[in-house]
Amino acid sequence: MTTGPGHVVAQLAAPPVEFWMSGADVVLVDVATGSQARTESTRDCWSVHENGPLRLWDQVETALVKWQAAGAPEQSAFGMTVTETTQTVWLGDPGGPGWPLPV
């Protein structure tokens, strides 16, 4: 799987999730909770199938919309702030769109 800024944002949305490609489709699995999401391409559209306690695709989609609203910048636009109690990846500057990470 080729990794670009969109893939980085998807992983930021769900840090413990494993991502796989199955042809053109994407599979997300959170082993800890048993949550899963899978895209399925058909002729004219995409469907998403989710199960488990977490809505993994919803998390990823929300993060990608936030990134796209910021102009879909390249990886060089990302930064990170780390304190004793938090870790946050952000776009542009620490006050910009961001994603908290587990500590």
PDB file of N, CA and C in Angstrom:
ATOM      1  N   MET A   1       0.849  -1.170   0.000  1.00  0.00           N
ATOM      2  CA  MET A   1       0.000   0.000   0.000  1.00  0.00           C
ATOM      3  C   MET A   1       0.892   1.229   0.000  1.00  0.00           C
ATOM      4  N   THR A   2       0.623   2.154  -0.884  1.00  0.00           N
ATOM      5  CA  THR A   2       1.349   3.410  -0.939  1.00  0.00           C
ATOM      6  C   THR A   2       0.881   4.309   0.196  1.00  0.00           C
ATOM      7  N   THR A   3       1.831   4.914   0.892  1.00  0.00           N
ATOM      8  CA  THR A   3       1.476   5.780   2.001  1.00  0.00           C
ATOM      9  C   THR A   3       1.658   7.224   1.578  1.00  0.00           C
ATOM     10  N   GLY A   4       0.606   7.997   1.702  1.00  0.00           N
ATOM     11  CA  GLY A   4       0.648   9.420   1.445  1.00  0.00           C
ATOM     12  C   GLY A   4      -0.038  10.126   2.594  1.00  0.00           C
ATOM     13  N   PRO A   5      -0.214  11.440   2.481  1.00  0.00           N
ATOM     14  CA  PRO A   5      -0.825  12.193   3.573  1.00  0.00           C
ATOM     15  C   PRO A   5      -2.213  11.684   3.961  1.00  0.00           C
ATOM     16  N   GLY A   6      -3.015  11.253   3.006  1.00  0.00           N
ATOM     17  CA  GLY A   6      -4.343  10.740   3.323  1.00  0.00           C
ATOM     18  C   GLY A   6      -4.285   9.488   4.184  1.00  0.00           C
ATOM     19  N   HIS A   7      -3.319   8.613   3.903  1.00  0.00           N
ATOM     20  CA  HIS A   7      -3.147   7.411   4.718  1.00  0.00           C
ATOM     21  C   HIS A   7      -2.672   7.777   6.124  1.00  0.00           C
ATOM     22  N   VAL A   8      -1.819   8.773   6.234  1.00  0.00           N
ATOM     23  CA  VAL A   8      -1.345   9.230   7.549  1.00  0.00           C
ATOM     24  C   VAL A   8      -2.521   9.761   8.358  1.00  0.00           C
ATOM     25  N   VAL A   9      -3.361  10.561   7.743  1.00  0.00           N
ATOM     26  CA  VAL A   9      -4.534  11.110   8.426  1.00  0.00           C
ATOM     27  C   VAL A   9      -5.469   9.984   8.858  1.00  0.00           C
ATOM     28  N   ALA A  10      -5.680   9.001   8.013  1.00  0.00           N
ATOM     29  CA  ALA A  10      -6.535   7.871   8.371  1.00  0.00           C
ATOM     30  C   ALA A  10      -5.986   7.151   9.594  1.00  0.00           C
ATOM     31  N   GLN A  11      -4.682   6.950   9.656  1.00  0.00           N
ATOM     32  CA  GLN A  11      -4.087   6.282  10.815  1.00  0.00           C
ATOM     33  C   GLN A  11      -4.171   7.153  12.056  1.00  0.00           C
ATOM     34  N   LEU A  12      -4.054   8.470  11.904  1.00  0.00           N
ATOM     35  CA  LEU A  12      -4.204   9.373  13.049  1.00  0.00           C
ATOM     36  C   LEU A  12      -5.612   9.304  13.629  1.00  0.00           C
ATOM     37  N   ALA A  13      -6.588   9.074  12.780  1.00  0.00           N
ATOM     38  CA  ALA A  13      -7.985   9.020  13.231  1.00  0.00           C
ATOM     39  C   ALA A  13      -8.249   7.817  14.113  1.00  0.00           C
ATOM     40  N   ALA A  14      -7.501   6.759  13.902  1.00  0.00           N
ATOM     41  CA  ALA A  14      -7.715   5.518  14.641  1.00  0.00           C
ATOM     42  C   ALA A  14      -6.355   4.857  14.878  1.00  0.00           C
ATOM     43  N   PRO A  15      -5.550   5.410  15.797  1.00  0.00           N
ATOM     44  CA  PRO A  15      -4.170   4.944  15.963  1.00  0.00           C
ATOM     45  C   PRO A  15      -3.980   3.446  16.183  1.00  0.00           C
ATOM     46  N   PRO A  16      -4.836   2.750  16.955  1.00  0.00           N
ATOM     47  CA  PRO A  16      -4.555   1.334  17.176  1.00  0.00           C
ATOM     48  C   PRO A  16      -5.050   0.417  16.049  1.00  0.00           C
ATOM     49  N   VAL A  17      -5.657   0.990  15.037  1.00  0.00           N
ATOM     50  CA  VAL A  17      -6.294   0.194  13.988  1.00  0.00           C
ATOM     51  C   VAL A  17      -5.269  -0.286  12.964  1.00  0.00           C
ATOM     52  N   GLU A  18      -5.448  -1.520  12.522  1.00  0.00           N
ATOM     53  CA  GLU A  18      -4.644  -2.074  11.440  1.00  0.00           C
ATOM     54  C   GLU A  18      -5.397  -1.857  10.133  1.00  0.00           C
ATOM     55  N   PHE A  19      -4.679  -1.389   9.102  1.00  0.00           N
ATOM     56  CA  PHE A  19      -5.261  -1.119   7.784  1.00  0.00           C
ATOM     57  C   PHE A  19      -4.701  -2.124   6.788  1.00  0.00           C
ATOM     58  N   TRP A  20      -5.581  -2.678   5.942  1.00  0.00           N
ATOM     59  CA  TRP A  20      -5.162  -3.566   4.855  1.00  0.00           C
ATOM     60  C   TRP A  20      -5.866  -3.143   3.577  1.00  0.00           C
ATOM     61  N   MET A  21      -5.221  -3.406   2.484  1.00  0.00           N
ATOM     62  CA  MET A  21      -5.841  -3.232   1.178  1.00  0.00           C
ATOM     63  C   MET A  21      -6.204  -4.615   0.666  1.00  0.00           C
ATOM     64  N   SER A  22      -7.401  -4.717   0.103  1.00  0.00           N
ATOM     65  CA  SER A  22      -7.849  -5.955  -0.529  1.00  0.00           C
ATOM     66  C   SER A  22      -8.338  -5.554  -1.913  1.00  0.00           C
ATOM     67  N   GLY A  23      -7.425  -5.584  -2.876  1.00  0.00           N
ATOM     68  CA  GLY A  23      -7.743  -5.036  -4.196  1.00  0.00           C
ATOM     69  C   GLY A  23      -7.929  -3.534  -4.046  1.00  0.00           C
ATOM     70  N   ALA A  24      -9.068  -3.011  -4.480  1.00  0.00           N
ATOM     71  CA  ALA A  24      -9.363  -1.582  -4.347  1.00  0.00           C
ATOM     72  C   ALA A  24     -10.024  -1.265  -3.006  1.00  0.00           C
ATOM     73  N   ASP A  25     -10.377  -2.298  -2.256  1.00  0.00           N
ATOM     74  CA  ASP A  25     -11.103  -2.098  -1.000  1.00  0.00           C
ATOM     75  C   ASP A  25     -10.137  -1.934   0.172  1.00  0.00           C
ATOM     76  N   VAL A  26     -10.631  -1.319   1.248  1.00  0.00           N
ATOM     77  CA  VAL A  26      -9.857  -1.090   2.454  1.00  0.00           C
ATOM     78  C   VAL A  26     -10.515  -1.863   3.593  1.00  0.00           C
ATOM     79  N   VAL A  27      -9.682  -2.484   4.433  1.00  0.00           N
ATOM     80  CA  VAL A  27     -10.165  -3.201   5.608  1.00  0.00           C
ATOM     81  C   VAL A  27      -9.483  -2.588   6.827  1.00  0.00           C
ATOM     82  N   LEU A  28     -10.268  -2.250   7.856  1.00  0.00           N
ATOM     83  CA  LEU A  28      -9.761  -1.706   9.104  1.00  0.00           C
ATOM     84  C   LEU A  28     -10.163  -2.655  10.225  1.00  0.00           C
ATOM     85  N   VAL A  29      -9.222  -2.949  11.120  1.00  0.00           N
ATOM     86  CA  VAL A  29      -9.507  -3.860  12.229  1.00  0.00           C
ATOM     87  C   VAL A  29      -8.888  -3.299  13.498  1.00  0.00           C
ATOM     88  N   ASP A  30      -9.699  -3.214  14.551  1.00  0.00           N
ATOM     89  CA  ASP A  30      -9.216  -2.878  15.887  1.00  0.00           C
ATOM     90  C   ASP A  30      -9.258  -4.174  16.686  1.00  0.00           C
ATOM     91  N   VAL A  31      -8.101  -4.794  16.868  1.00  0.00           N
ATOM     92  CA  VAL A  31      -8.025  -6.094  17.516  1.00  0.00           C
ATOM     93  C   VAL A  31      -8.520  -6.017  18.960  1.00  0.00           C
ATOM     94  N   ALA A  32      -8.227  -4.919  19.645  1.00  0.00           N
ATOM     95  CA  ALA A  32      -8.591  -4.794  21.062  1.00  0.00           C
ATOM     96  C   ALA A  32     -10.098  -4.828  21.277  1.00  0.00           C
ATOM     97  N   THR A  33     -10.872  -4.209  20.363  1.00  0.00           N
ATOM     98  CA  THR A  33     -12.322  -4.136  20.555  1.00  0.00           C
ATOM     99  C   THR A  33     -13.096  -5.079  19.634  1.00  0.00           C
ATOM    100  N   GLY A  34     -12.419  -5.632  18.636  1.00  0.00           N
ATOM    101  CA  GLY A  34     -13.100  -6.468  17.664  1.00  0.00           C
ATOM    102  C   GLY A  34     -13.846  -5.675  16.601  1.00  0.00           C
ATOM    103  N   SER A  35     -13.698  -4.364  16.620  1.00  0.00           N
ATOM    104  CA  SER A  35     -14.376  -3.524  15.628  1.00  0.00           C
ATOM    105  C   SER A  35     -13.721  -3.704  14.263  1.00  0.00           C
ATOM    106  N   GLN A  36     -14.555  -3.643  13.222  1.00  0.00           N
ATOM    107  CA  GLN A  36     -14.071  -3.797  11.857  1.00  0.00           C
ATOM    108  C   GLN A  36     -14.834  -2.863  10.929  1.00  0.00           C
ATOM    109  N   ALA A  37     -14.167  -2.442   9.874  1.00  0.00           N
ATOM    110  CA  ALA A  37     -14.820  -1.698   8.799  1.00  0.00           C
ATOM    111  C   ALA A  37     -14.207  -2.178   7.492  1.00  0.00           C
ATOM    112  N   ARG A  38     -15.045  -2.249   6.472  1.00  0.00           N
ATOM    113  CA  ARG A  38     -14.573  -2.716   5.165  1.00  0.00           C
ATOM    114  C   ARG A  38     -15.297  -1.936   4.087  1.00  0.00           C
ATOM    115  N   THR A  39     -14.523  -1.411   3.135  1.00  0.00           N
ATOM    116  CA  THR A  39     -15.148  -0.766   1.985  1.00  0.00           C
ATOM    117  C   THR A  39     -15.367  -1.824   0.915  1.00  0.00           C
ATOM    118  N   GLU A  40     -16.357  -1.578   0.091  1.00  0.00           N
ATOM    119  CA  GLU A  40     -16.657  -2.492  -1.009  1.00  0.00           C
ATOM    120  C   GLU A  40     -16.997  -1.648  -2.230  1.00  0.00           C
ATOM    121  N   SER A  41     -16.211  -1.813  -3.276  1.00  0.00           N
ATOM    122  CA  SER A  41     -16.468  -1.043  -4.484  1.00  0.00           C
ATOM    123  C   SER A  41     -17.388  -1.828  -5.405  1.00  0.00           C
ATOM    124  N   THR A  42     -18.349  -1.128  -5.957  1.00  0.00           N
ATOM    125  CA  THR A  42     -19.223  -1.697  -6.972  1.00  0.00           C
ATOM    126  C   THR A  42     -19.039  -0.854  -8.221  1.00  0.00           C
ATOM    127  N   ARG A  43     -19.823  -1.079  -9.210  1.00  0.00           N
ATOM    128  CA  ARG A  43     -19.636  -0.377 -10.481  1.00  0.00           C
ATOM    129  C   ARG A  43     -19.632   1.135 -10.327  1.00  0.00           C
ATOM    130  N   ASP A  44     -20.593   1.683  -9.607  1.00  0.00           N
ATOM    131  CA  ASP A  44     -20.746   3.132  -9.577  1.00  0.00           C
ATOM    132  C   ASP A  44     -20.601   3.761  -8.201  1.00  0.00           C
ATOM    133  N   CYS A  45     -20.358   2.950  -7.157  1.00  0.00           N
ATOM    134  CA  CYS A  45     -20.303   3.548  -5.822  1.00  0.00           C
ATOM    135  C   CYS A  45     -19.495   2.678  -4.870  1.00  0.00           C
ATOM    136  N   TRP A  46     -19.323   3.203  -3.666  1.00  0.00           N
ATOM    137  CA  TRP A  46     -18.637   2.491  -2.599  1.00  0.00           C
ATOM    138  C   TRP A  46     -19.620   2.274  -1.467  1.00  0.00           C
ATOM    139  N   SER A  47     -19.531   1.132  -0.833  1.00  0.00           N
ATOM    140  CA  SER A  47     -20.297   0.841   0.374  1.00  0.00           C
ATOM    141  C   SER A  47     -19.306   0.598   1.500  1.00  0.00           C
ATOM    142  N   VAL A  48     -19.724   0.909   2.725  1.00  0.00           N
ATOM    143  CA  VAL A  48     -18.901   0.637   3.894  1.00  0.00           C
ATOM    144  C   VAL A  48     -19.700  -0.259   4.829  1.00  0.00           C
ATOM    145  N   HIS A  49     -19.055  -1.307   5.294  1.00  0.00           N
ATOM    146  CA  HIS A  49     -19.673  -2.236   6.237  1.00  0.00           C
ATOM    147  C   HIS A  49     -18.889  -2.152   7.543  1.00  0.00           C
ATOM    148  N   GLU A  50     -19.579  -1.843   8.646  1.00  0.00           N
ATOM    149  CA  GLU A  50     -18.919  -1.717   9.944  1.00  0.00           C
ATOM    150  C   GLU A  50     -19.588  -2.641  10.955  1.00  0.00           C
ATOM    151  N   ASN A  51     -18.781  -3.180  11.874  1.00  0.00           N
ATOM    152  CA  ASN A  51     -19.352  -3.894  12.998  1.00  0.00           C
ATOM    153  C   ASN A  51     -18.415  -3.764  14.193  1.00  0.00           C
ATOM    154  N   GLY A  52     -18.949  -4.031  15.369  1.00  0.00           N
ATOM    155  CA  GLY A  52     -18.192  -3.880  16.605  1.00  0.00           C
ATOM    156  C   GLY A  52     -18.573  -2.593  17.306  1.00  0.00           C
ATOM    157  N   PRO A  53     -18.023  -2.373  18.485  1.00  0.00           N
ATOM    158  CA  PRO A  53     -18.420  -1.211  19.292  1.00  0.00           C
ATOM    159  C   PRO A  53     -17.934   0.143  18.752  1.00  0.00           C
ATOM    160  N   LEU A  54     -16.865   0.166  17.960  1.00  0.00           N
ATOM    161  CA  LEU A  54     -16.346   1.433  17.427  1.00  0.00           C
ATOM    162  C   LEU A  54     -16.742   1.597  15.968  1.00  0.00           C
ATOM    163  N   ARG A  55     -17.073   2.808  15.583  1.00  0.00           N
ATOM    164  CA  ARG A  55     -17.401   3.128  14.189  1.00  0.00           C
ATOM    165  C   ARG A  55     -16.112   3.596  13.507  1.00  0.00           C
ATOM    166  N   LEU A  56     -15.265   2.648  13.116  1.00  0.00           N
ATOM    167  CA  LEU A  56     -13.933   2.952  12.605  1.00  0.00           C
ATOM    168  C   LEU A  56     -13.961   3.807  11.352  1.00  0.00           C
ATOM    169  N   TRP A  57     -14.814   3.461  10.411  1.00  0.00           N
ATOM    170  CA  TRP A  57     -14.842   4.227   9.166  1.00  0.00           C
ATOM    171  C   TRP A  57     -15.317   5.652   9.426  1.00  0.00           C
ATOM    172  N   ASP A  58     -16.266   5.812  10.339  1.00  0.00           N
ATOM    173  CA  ASP A  58     -16.733   7.158  10.677  1.00  0.00           C
ATOM    174  C   ASP A  58     -15.582   8.000  11.212  1.00  0.00           C
ATOM    175  N   GLN A  59     -14.732   7.419  12.073  1.00  0.00           N
ATOM    176  CA  GLN A  59     -13.576   8.134  12.603  1.00  0.00           C
ATOM    177  C   GLN A  59     -12.635   8.560  11.476  1.00  0.00           C
ATOM    178  N   VAL A  60     -12.358   7.633  10.570  1.00  0.00           N
ATOM    179  CA  VAL A  60     -11.451   7.924   9.460  1.00  0.00           C
ATOM    180  C   VAL A  60     -12.051   8.980   8.537  1.00  0.00           C
ATOM    181  N   GLU A  61     -13.307   8.833   8.213  1.00  0.00           N
ATOM    182  CA  GLU A  61     -13.959   9.782   7.314  1.00  0.00           C
ATOM    183  C   GLU A  61     -13.966  11.194   7.899  1.00  0.00           C
ATOM    184  N   THR A  62     -14.250  11.320   9.193  1.00  0.00           N
ATOM    185  CA  THR A  62     -14.252  12.626   9.852  1.00  0.00           C
ATOM    186  C   THR A  62     -12.869  13.271   9.770  1.00  0.00           C
ATOM    187  N   ALA A  63     -11.820  12.490  10.011  1.00  0.00           N
ATOM    188  CA  ALA A  63     -10.458  13.013   9.940  1.00  0.00           C
ATOM    189  C   ALA A  63     -10.090  13.432   8.521  1.00  0.00           C
ATOM    190  N   LEU A  64     -10.473  12.629   7.534  1.00  0.00           N
ATOM    191  CA  LEU A  64     -10.158  12.973   6.145  1.00  0.00           C
ATOM    192  C   LEU A  64     -10.885  14.234   5.693  1.00  0.00           C
ATOM    193  N   VAL A  65     -12.118  14.419   6.137  1.00  0.00           N
ATOM    194  CA  VAL A  65     -12.854  15.648   5.806  1.00  0.00           C
ATOM    195  C   VAL A  65     -12.149  16.854   6.418  1.00  0.00           C
ATOM    196  N   LYS A  66     -11.678  16.724   7.647  1.00  0.00           N
ATOM    197  CA  LYS A  66     -10.947  17.813   8.321  1.00  0.00           C
ATOM    198  C   LYS A  66      -9.667  18.150   7.549  1.00  0.00           C
ATOM    199  N   TRP A  67      -8.930  17.125   7.118  1.00  0.00           N
ATOM    200  CA  TRP A  67      -7.695  17.313   6.361  1.00  0.00           C
ATOM    201  C   TRP A  67      -7.988  17.969   5.003  1.00  0.00           C
ATOM    202  N   GLN A  68      -9.034  17.486   4.317  1.00  0.00           N
ATOM    203  CA  GLN A  68      -9.396  18.067   3.022  1.00  0.00           C
ATOM    204  C   GLN A  68      -9.840  19.518   3.168  1.00  0.00           C
ATOM    205  N   ALA A  69     -10.562  19.832   4.245  1.00  0.00           N
ATOM    206  CA  ALA A  69     -11.001  21.217   4.484  1.00  0.00           C
ATOM    207  C   ALA A  69      -9.809  22.147   4.708  1.00  0.00           C
ATOM    208  N   ALA A  70      -8.694  21.587   5.173  1.00  0.00           N
ATOM    209  CA  ALA A  70      -7.471  22.370   5.368  1.00  0.00           C
ATOM    210  C   ALA A  70      -6.656  22.463   4.077  1.00  0.00           C
ATOM    211  N   GLY A  71      -7.203  21.962   2.976  1.00  0.00           N
ATOM    212  CA  GLY A  71      -6.516  22.040   1.686  1.00  0.00           C
ATOM    213  C   GLY A  71      -5.731  20.790   1.330  1.00  0.00           C
ATOM    214  N   ALA A  72      -5.914  19.701   2.065  1.00  0.00           N
ATOM    215  CA  ALA A  72      -5.221  18.427   1.824  1.00  0.00           C
ATOM    216  C   ALA A  72      -3.709  18.616   1.702  1.00  0.00           C
ATOM    217  N   PRO A  73      -3.093  19.249   2.709  1.00  0.00           N
ATOM    218  CA  PRO A  73      -1.660  19.531   2.614  1.00  0.00           C
ATOM    219  C   PRO A  73      -0.791  18.279   2.663  1.00  0.00           C
ATOM    220  N   GLU A  74       0.422  18.414   2.173  1.00  0.00           N
ATOM    221  CA  GLU A  74       1.406  17.335   2.178  1.00  0.00           C
ATOM    222  C   GLU A  74       1.901  17.079   3.600  1.00  0.00           C
ATOM    223  N   GLN A  75       2.625  15.984   3.781  1.00  0.00           N
ATOM    224  CA  GLN A  75       3.107  15.589   5.097  1.00  0.00           C
ATOM    225  C   GLN A  75       3.985  16.638   5.756  1.00  0.00           C
ATOM    226  N   SER A  76       4.668  17.453   4.990  1.00  0.00           N
ATOM    227  CA  SER A  76       5.544  18.476   5.574  1.00  0.00           C
ATOM    228  C   SER A  76       4.758  19.528   6.359  1.00  0.00           C
ATOM    229  N   ALA A  77       3.443  19.603   6.176  1.00  0.00           N
ATOM    230  CA  ALA A  77       2.619  20.565   6.900  1.00  0.00           C
ATOM    231  C   ALA A  77       2.214  20.075   8.291  1.00  0.00           C
ATOM    232  N   PHE A  78       2.506  18.799   8.608  1.00  0.00           N
ATOM    233  CA  PHE A  78       2.146  18.243   9.898  1.00  0.00           C
ATOM    234  C   PHE A  78       3.213  18.576  10.931  1.00  0.00           C
ATOM    235  N   GLY A  79       2.782  18.758  12.157  1.00  0.00           N
ATOM    236  CA  GLY A  79       3.696  18.944  13.278  1.00  0.00           C
ATOM    237  C   GLY A  79       3.160  18.166  14.463  1.00  0.00           C
ATOM    238  N   MET A  80       3.933  18.173  15.547  1.00  0.00           N
ATOM    239  CA  MET A  80       3.514  17.409  16.717  1.00  0.00           C
ATOM    240  C   MET A  80       3.903  18.150  17.980  1.00  0.00           C
ATOM    241  N   THR A  81       3.004  18.146  18.940  1.00  0.00           N
ATOM    242  CA  THR A  81       3.283  18.697  20.263  1.00  0.00           C
ATOM    243  C   THR A  81       3.170  17.553  21.262  1.00  0.00           C
ATOM    244  N   VAL A  82       4.204  17.425  22.101  1.00  0.00           N
ATOM    245  CA  VAL A  82       4.227  16.380  23.115  1.00  0.00           C
ATOM    246  C   VAL A  82       4.460  17.039  24.467  1.00  0.00           C
ATOM    247  N   THR A  83       3.597  16.706  25.432  1.00  0.00           N
ATOM    248  CA  THR A  83       3.783  17.158  26.808  1.00  0.00           C
ATOM    249  C   THR A  83       3.888  15.913  27.685  1.00  0.00           C
ATOM    250  N   GLU A  84       3.983  16.125  28.987  1.00  0.00           N
ATOM    251  CA  GLU A  84       4.051  14.981  29.894  1.00  0.00           C
ATOM    252  C   GLU A  84       2.783  14.140  29.852  1.00  0.00           C
ATOM    253  N   THR A  85       1.655  14.741  29.463  1.00  0.00           N
ATOM    254  CA  THR A  85       0.374  14.033  29.520  1.00  0.00           C
ATOM    255  C   THR A  85      -0.347  13.892  28.184  1.00  0.00           C
ATOM    256  N   THR A  86       0.112  14.575  27.136  1.00  0.00           N
ATOM    257  CA  THR A  86      -0.586  14.522  25.852  1.00  0.00           C
ATOM    258  C   THR A  86       0.385  14.442  24.679  1.00  0.00           C
ATOM    259  N   GLN A  87      -0.138  13.960  23.570  1.00  0.00           N
ATOM    260  CA  GLN A  87       0.554  13.990  22.273  1.00  0.00           C
ATOM    261  C   GLN A  87      -0.482  14.389  21.241  1.00  0.00           C
ATOM    262  N   THR A  88      -0.185  15.390  20.441  1.00  0.00           N
ATOM    263  CA  THR A  88      -1.127  15.832  19.423  1.00  0.00           C
ATOM    264  C   THR A  88      -0.387  16.089  18.120  1.00  0.00           C
ATOM    265  N   VAL A  89      -0.909  15.526  17.032  1.00  0.00           N
ATOM    266  CA  VAL A  89      -0.412  15.834  15.691  1.00  0.00           C
ATOM    267  C   VAL A  89      -1.344  16.889  15.117  1.00  0.00           C
ATOM    268  N   TRP A  90      -0.771  17.936  14.510  1.00  0.00           N
ATOM    269  CA  TRP A  90      -1.573  19.042  14.003  1.00  0.00           C
ATOM    270  C   TRP A  90      -1.131  19.440  12.604  1.00  0.00           C
ATOM    271  N   LEU A  91      -1.982  20.228  11.953  1.00  0.00           N
ATOM    272  CA  LEU A  91      -1.699  20.769  10.616  1.00  0.00           C
ATOM    273  C   LEU A  91      -1.436  22.261  10.721  1.00  0.00           C
ATOM    274  N   GLY A  92      -0.369  22.698  10.093  1.00  0.00           N
ATOM    275  CA  GLY A  92      -0.076  24.126  10.000  1.00  0.00           C
ATOM    276  C   GLY A  92       0.576  24.704  11.235  1.00  0.00           C
ATOM    277  N   ASP A  93      -0.114  24.690  12.353  1.00  0.00           N
ATOM    278  CA  ASP A  93       0.426  25.165  13.620  1.00  0.00           C
ATOM    279  C   ASP A  93      -0.356  24.489  14.748  1.00  0.00           C
ATOM    280  N   PRO A  94       0.145  24.572  15.988  1.00  0.00           N
ATOM    281  CA  PRO A  94      -0.523  23.865  17.085  1.00  0.00           C
ATOM    282  C   PRO A  94      -1.989  24.246  17.292  1.00  0.00           C
ATOM    283  N   GLY A  95      -2.410  25.393  16.819  1.00  0.00           N
ATOM    284  CA  GLY A  95      -3.808  25.797  16.932  1.00  0.00           C
ATOM    285  C   GLY A  95      -4.681  25.326  15.779  1.00  0.00           C
ATOM    286  N   GLY A  96      -4.055  24.686  14.778  1.00  0.00           N
ATOM    287  CA  GLY A  96      -4.789  24.225  13.602  1.00  0.00           C
ATOM    288  C   GLY A  96      -5.503  22.906  13.878  1.00  0.00           C
ATOM    289  N   PRO A  97      -6.089  22.310  12.829  1.00  0.00           N
ATOM    290  CA  PRO A  97      -6.736  21.018  13.000  1.00  0.00           C
ATOM    291  C   PRO A  97      -5.747  20.009  13.582  1.00  0.00           C
ATOM    292  N   GLY A  98      -6.221  19.166  14.496  1.00  0.00           N
ATOM    293  CA  GLY A  98      -5.300  18.233  15.132  1.00  0.00           C
ATOM    294  C   GLY A  98      -5.969  16.937  15.546  1.00  0.00           C
ATOM    295  N   TRP A  99      -5.121  15.989  15.896  1.00  0.00           N
ATOM    296  CA  TRP A  99      -5.560  14.656  16.313  1.00  0.00           C
ATOM    297  C   TRP A  99      -4.784  14.257  17.548  1.00  0.00           C
ATOM    298  N   PRO A 100      -5.474  14.008  18.661  1.00  0.00           N
ATOM    299  CA  PRO A 100      -4.770  13.523  19.855  1.00  0.00           C
ATOM    300  C   PRO A 100      -4.348  12.063  19.665  1.00  0.00           C
ATOM    301  N   LEU A 101      -3.212  11.726  20.190  1.00  0.00           N
ATOM    302  CA  LEU A 101      -2.709  10.348  20.120  1.00  0.00           C
ATOM    303  C   LEU A 101      -2.674   9.755  21.520  1.00  0.00           C
ATOM    304  N   PRO A 102      -2.769   8.434  21.618  1.00  0.00           N
ATOM    305  CA  PRO A 102      -2.636   7.817  22.931  1.00  0.00           C
ATOM    306  C   PRO A 102      -1.238   8.057  23.486  1.00  0.00           C
ATOM    307  N   VAL A 103      -1.154   8.217  24.781  1.00  0.00           N
ATOM    308  CA  VAL A 103       0.154   8.442  25.424  1.00  0.00           C
ATOM    309  C   VAL A 103       0.693   7.123  25.903  1.00  0.00           C
TER     310      VAL A 103
END
